[in-house]
N, C-alpha and C. Protein backbone atom coordinates (compact mmCIF):
# COMPACT_ATOMS: atom_id res chain seq x y z
N MET A 1 -18.14 -8.52 -18.23
CA MET A 1 -16.88 -9.18 -18.54
C MET A 1 -16.42 -10.01 -17.34
N SER A 2 -15.61 -10.98 -17.61
CA SER A 2 -15.16 -11.87 -16.54
C SER A 2 -14.06 -11.21 -15.72
N SER A 3 -13.63 -11.89 -14.69
CA SER A 3 -12.59 -11.35 -13.82
C SER A 3 -11.18 -11.65 -14.34
N ASP A 4 -11.09 -12.35 -15.47
CA ASP A 4 -9.77 -12.61 -16.06
C ASP A 4 -9.14 -11.30 -16.50
N PRO A 5 -7.81 -11.24 -16.52
CA PRO A 5 -7.15 -10.02 -16.99
C PRO A 5 -7.48 -9.76 -18.47
N LEU A 6 -7.37 -8.50 -18.84
CA LEU A 6 -7.71 -8.09 -20.20
C LEU A 6 -6.95 -8.90 -21.25
N TRP A 7 -5.65 -9.06 -21.08
CA TRP A 7 -4.85 -9.77 -22.08
C TRP A 7 -5.37 -11.19 -22.31
N LYS A 8 -5.81 -11.82 -21.22
CA LYS A 8 -6.29 -13.20 -21.33
C LYS A 8 -7.63 -13.25 -22.06
N ARG A 9 -8.51 -12.31 -21.75
CA ARG A 9 -9.80 -12.27 -22.43
C ARG A 9 -9.64 -11.94 -23.91
N LEU A 10 -8.69 -11.06 -24.22
CA LEU A 10 -8.41 -10.75 -25.62
C LEU A 10 -7.89 -11.98 -26.35
N ARG A 11 -6.99 -12.70 -25.71
CA ARG A 11 -6.42 -13.90 -26.32
C ARG A 11 -7.47 -14.98 -26.52
N ASN A 12 -8.39 -15.13 -25.58
CA ASN A 12 -9.39 -16.20 -25.63
C ASN A 12 -10.64 -15.86 -26.45
N PHE A 13 -10.78 -14.60 -26.82
CA PHE A 13 -11.95 -14.18 -27.58
C PHE A 13 -11.96 -14.85 -28.95
N ASN A 14 -13.13 -15.25 -29.43
CA ASN A 14 -13.27 -15.91 -30.73
C ASN A 14 -13.31 -14.86 -31.85
N TRP A 15 -12.14 -14.35 -32.21
CA TRP A 15 -12.04 -13.29 -33.22
C TRP A 15 -12.52 -13.76 -34.58
N GLU A 16 -12.10 -14.94 -34.99
CA GLU A 16 -12.49 -15.44 -36.31
C GLU A 16 -14.00 -15.66 -36.38
N GLY A 17 -14.58 -16.14 -35.30
CA GLY A 17 -16.02 -16.32 -35.24
C GLY A 17 -16.77 -14.99 -35.32
N ALA A 18 -16.08 -13.91 -34.95
CA ALA A 18 -16.67 -12.58 -35.01
C ALA A 18 -16.42 -11.90 -36.35
N GLY A 19 -15.73 -12.60 -37.26
CA GLY A 19 -15.51 -12.05 -38.59
C GLY A 19 -14.20 -11.30 -38.78
N ILE A 20 -13.24 -11.52 -37.89
CA ILE A 20 -11.93 -10.87 -38.00
C ILE A 20 -10.87 -11.94 -38.22
N SER A 21 -10.04 -11.72 -39.21
CA SER A 21 -8.99 -12.69 -39.53
C SER A 21 -8.01 -12.83 -38.37
N ALA A 22 -7.29 -13.94 -38.35
CA ALA A 22 -6.33 -14.19 -37.28
C ALA A 22 -5.24 -13.11 -37.25
N LYS A 23 -4.79 -12.69 -38.41
CA LYS A 23 -3.75 -11.66 -38.50
C LYS A 23 -4.25 -10.32 -37.94
N GLU A 24 -5.45 -9.94 -38.35
CA GLU A 24 -6.02 -8.69 -37.85
C GLU A 24 -6.35 -8.79 -36.37
N ALA A 25 -6.76 -9.96 -35.91
CA ALA A 25 -7.07 -10.15 -34.50
C ALA A 25 -5.84 -9.91 -33.64
N LYS A 26 -4.70 -10.41 -34.06
CA LYS A 26 -3.46 -10.19 -33.30
C LYS A 26 -3.14 -8.70 -33.22
N LYS A 27 -3.36 -7.99 -34.32
CA LYS A 27 -3.10 -6.55 -34.35
C LYS A 27 -4.04 -5.82 -33.38
N VAL A 28 -5.32 -6.17 -33.43
CA VAL A 28 -6.31 -5.53 -32.55
C VAL A 28 -5.99 -5.82 -31.09
N GLN A 29 -5.64 -7.06 -30.78
CA GLN A 29 -5.29 -7.42 -29.40
C GLN A 29 -4.12 -6.58 -28.90
N LYS A 30 -3.09 -6.44 -29.72
CA LYS A 30 -1.90 -5.67 -29.34
C LYS A 30 -2.26 -4.20 -29.14
N LEU A 31 -3.05 -3.65 -30.04
CA LEU A 31 -3.44 -2.24 -29.92
C LEU A 31 -4.27 -2.00 -28.66
N LEU A 32 -5.19 -2.91 -28.36
CA LEU A 32 -6.00 -2.74 -27.15
C LEU A 32 -5.16 -2.87 -25.89
N GLN A 33 -4.19 -3.76 -25.90
CA GLN A 33 -3.30 -3.89 -24.75
C GLN A 33 -2.45 -2.63 -24.59
N ASP A 34 -1.96 -2.09 -25.70
CA ASP A 34 -1.19 -0.84 -25.65
C ASP A 34 -2.05 0.31 -25.15
N LEU A 35 -3.30 0.35 -25.60
CA LEU A 35 -4.22 1.40 -25.18
C LEU A 35 -4.47 1.33 -23.68
N ALA A 36 -4.49 0.13 -23.14
CA ALA A 36 -4.75 -0.07 -21.70
C ALA A 36 -3.51 0.13 -20.84
N GLY A 37 -2.36 0.24 -21.47
CA GLY A 37 -1.11 0.35 -20.73
C GLY A 37 -0.93 1.71 -20.07
N LYS A 38 0.10 1.80 -19.25
CA LYS A 38 0.37 3.01 -18.48
C LYS A 38 1.23 4.02 -19.24
N LYS A 39 1.80 3.62 -20.39
CA LYS A 39 2.63 4.52 -21.17
C LYS A 39 1.73 5.34 -22.10
N GLU A 40 1.60 6.63 -21.78
CA GLU A 40 0.65 7.47 -22.50
C GLU A 40 0.97 7.57 -24.00
N ALA A 41 2.23 7.73 -24.35
CA ALA A 41 2.60 7.87 -25.77
C ALA A 41 2.21 6.61 -26.55
N ARG A 42 2.44 5.46 -25.96
CA ARG A 42 2.08 4.20 -26.62
C ARG A 42 0.56 4.07 -26.73
N ALA A 43 -0.15 4.48 -25.70
CA ALA A 43 -1.62 4.43 -25.72
C ALA A 43 -2.18 5.36 -26.79
N MET A 44 -1.58 6.54 -26.94
CA MET A 44 -2.04 7.49 -27.95
C MET A 44 -1.80 6.94 -29.36
N ARG A 45 -0.65 6.32 -29.59
CA ARG A 45 -0.37 5.71 -30.90
C ARG A 45 -1.36 4.58 -31.17
N ALA A 46 -1.64 3.79 -30.14
CA ALA A 46 -2.60 2.69 -30.29
C ALA A 46 -3.98 3.23 -30.66
N SER A 47 -4.36 4.33 -30.04
CA SER A 47 -5.65 4.96 -30.33
C SER A 47 -5.71 5.38 -31.80
N GLN A 48 -4.66 6.00 -32.28
CA GLN A 48 -4.62 6.44 -33.68
C GLN A 48 -4.70 5.24 -34.63
N ASN A 49 -3.97 4.19 -34.29
CA ASN A 49 -3.98 2.99 -35.14
C ASN A 49 -5.34 2.29 -35.11
N LEU A 50 -5.97 2.28 -33.95
CA LEU A 50 -7.32 1.70 -33.86
C LEU A 50 -8.31 2.51 -34.69
N TRP A 51 -8.17 3.83 -34.65
CA TRP A 51 -9.05 4.69 -35.43
C TRP A 51 -8.94 4.34 -36.91
N SER A 52 -7.71 4.22 -37.40
CA SER A 52 -7.49 3.86 -38.82
C SER A 52 -8.07 2.49 -39.14
N LEU A 53 -7.86 1.56 -38.25
CA LEU A 53 -8.35 0.20 -38.45
C LEU A 53 -9.88 0.17 -38.48
N MET A 54 -10.50 0.91 -37.59
CA MET A 54 -11.97 0.91 -37.53
C MET A 54 -12.57 1.61 -38.73
N LYS A 55 -11.89 2.60 -39.26
CA LYS A 55 -12.37 3.28 -40.47
C LYS A 55 -12.30 2.34 -41.67
N ALA A 56 -11.28 1.48 -41.70
CA ALA A 56 -11.09 0.56 -42.81
C ALA A 56 -11.95 -0.70 -42.70
N ASN A 57 -12.34 -1.06 -41.48
CA ASN A 57 -13.07 -2.31 -41.26
C ASN A 57 -14.17 -2.07 -40.23
N ALA A 58 -15.37 -1.82 -40.71
CA ALA A 58 -16.50 -1.50 -39.82
C ALA A 58 -16.88 -2.63 -38.89
N VAL A 59 -16.48 -3.85 -39.19
CA VAL A 59 -16.80 -5.01 -38.35
C VAL A 59 -16.12 -4.91 -36.99
N VAL A 60 -15.00 -4.23 -36.94
CA VAL A 60 -14.18 -4.18 -35.72
C VAL A 60 -14.88 -3.46 -34.56
N MET A 61 -15.52 -2.34 -34.83
CA MET A 61 -16.05 -1.50 -33.75
C MET A 61 -17.02 -2.20 -32.82
N PRO A 62 -18.07 -2.84 -33.31
CA PRO A 62 -18.99 -3.48 -32.37
C PRO A 62 -18.32 -4.56 -31.52
N ILE A 63 -17.30 -5.17 -32.06
CA ILE A 63 -16.60 -6.24 -31.34
C ILE A 63 -15.73 -5.68 -30.22
N ILE A 64 -15.05 -4.57 -30.50
CA ILE A 64 -14.12 -4.05 -29.48
C ILE A 64 -14.74 -3.02 -28.55
N ARG A 65 -15.98 -2.59 -28.84
CA ARG A 65 -16.64 -1.58 -27.99
C ARG A 65 -16.59 -1.94 -26.49
N PRO A 66 -16.95 -3.16 -26.08
CA PRO A 66 -16.90 -3.47 -24.64
C PRO A 66 -15.48 -3.36 -24.07
N PHE A 67 -14.48 -3.73 -24.86
CA PHE A 67 -13.10 -3.62 -24.40
C PHE A 67 -12.71 -2.14 -24.25
N LEU A 68 -13.13 -1.31 -25.22
CA LEU A 68 -12.84 0.13 -25.13
C LEU A 68 -13.49 0.74 -23.90
N GLN A 69 -14.72 0.37 -23.64
CA GLN A 69 -15.43 0.91 -22.48
C GLN A 69 -14.73 0.51 -21.18
N GLU A 70 -14.25 -0.70 -21.14
CA GLU A 70 -13.53 -1.17 -19.94
C GLU A 70 -12.21 -0.42 -19.78
N ILE A 71 -11.47 -0.30 -20.87
CA ILE A 71 -10.17 0.38 -20.83
C ILE A 71 -10.35 1.85 -20.44
N ARG A 72 -11.42 2.46 -20.91
CA ARG A 72 -11.70 3.87 -20.59
C ARG A 72 -11.76 4.09 -19.08
N LYS A 73 -12.32 3.14 -18.37
CA LYS A 73 -12.49 3.28 -16.92
C LYS A 73 -11.16 3.34 -16.16
N ILE A 74 -10.11 2.77 -16.73
CA ILE A 74 -8.83 2.73 -16.03
C ILE A 74 -7.79 3.68 -16.63
N SER A 75 -8.21 4.48 -17.62
CA SER A 75 -7.27 5.32 -18.35
C SER A 75 -7.15 6.72 -17.76
N ASP A 76 -6.01 7.34 -18.05
CA ASP A 76 -5.80 8.75 -17.69
C ASP A 76 -6.69 9.62 -18.57
N VAL A 77 -6.81 10.88 -18.21
CA VAL A 77 -7.72 11.80 -18.90
C VAL A 77 -7.41 11.91 -20.39
N ALA A 78 -6.15 12.06 -20.77
CA ALA A 78 -5.80 12.23 -22.18
C ALA A 78 -6.19 11.00 -23.00
N VAL A 79 -5.91 9.84 -22.47
CA VAL A 79 -6.24 8.60 -23.18
C VAL A 79 -7.75 8.40 -23.19
N ARG A 80 -8.40 8.75 -22.11
CA ARG A 80 -9.86 8.63 -22.03
C ARG A 80 -10.52 9.47 -23.14
N SER A 81 -9.97 10.64 -23.38
CA SER A 81 -10.49 11.51 -24.44
C SER A 81 -10.35 10.84 -25.81
N GLU A 82 -9.23 10.19 -26.04
CA GLU A 82 -9.01 9.46 -27.30
C GLU A 82 -10.01 8.31 -27.44
N ILE A 83 -10.23 7.60 -26.35
CA ILE A 83 -11.19 6.50 -26.37
C ILE A 83 -12.60 7.01 -26.64
N ASP A 84 -12.94 8.16 -26.06
CA ASP A 84 -14.26 8.75 -26.33
C ASP A 84 -14.44 9.01 -27.81
N GLU A 85 -13.40 9.49 -28.47
CA GLU A 85 -13.47 9.73 -29.92
C GLU A 85 -13.67 8.42 -30.68
N LEU A 86 -12.98 7.37 -30.24
CA LEU A 86 -13.14 6.07 -30.88
C LEU A 86 -14.59 5.57 -30.72
N LEU A 87 -15.13 5.74 -29.52
CA LEU A 87 -16.48 5.26 -29.25
C LEU A 87 -17.54 6.03 -30.05
N GLU A 88 -17.21 7.24 -30.48
CA GLU A 88 -18.14 8.04 -31.28
C GLU A 88 -18.14 7.66 -32.75
N LEU A 89 -17.18 6.84 -33.19
CA LEU A 89 -17.07 6.50 -34.61
C LEU A 89 -18.23 5.67 -35.13
N GLU A 90 -18.84 4.90 -34.30
CA GLU A 90 -19.89 3.97 -34.76
C GLU A 90 -21.09 4.71 -35.30
């Protein structure tokens, strides 16, 4: 991944080219940013919402996997555990 901040890379990513609608892309971007944030409660909610989204749309997981792996590296233990569960869904 580049040295740009996560929010910028999420914004610049070609979501529609990856098969995700613009509306869903905005939702995924917001959830990933919340997951990467320092507020644990918000990160946990984002994890739950991502889980639901990935169960409903299998296209999402391969696209967000690199972002999840990156976020995992900077997350607290509780959030890291949630991310591990997300990464096991594929």
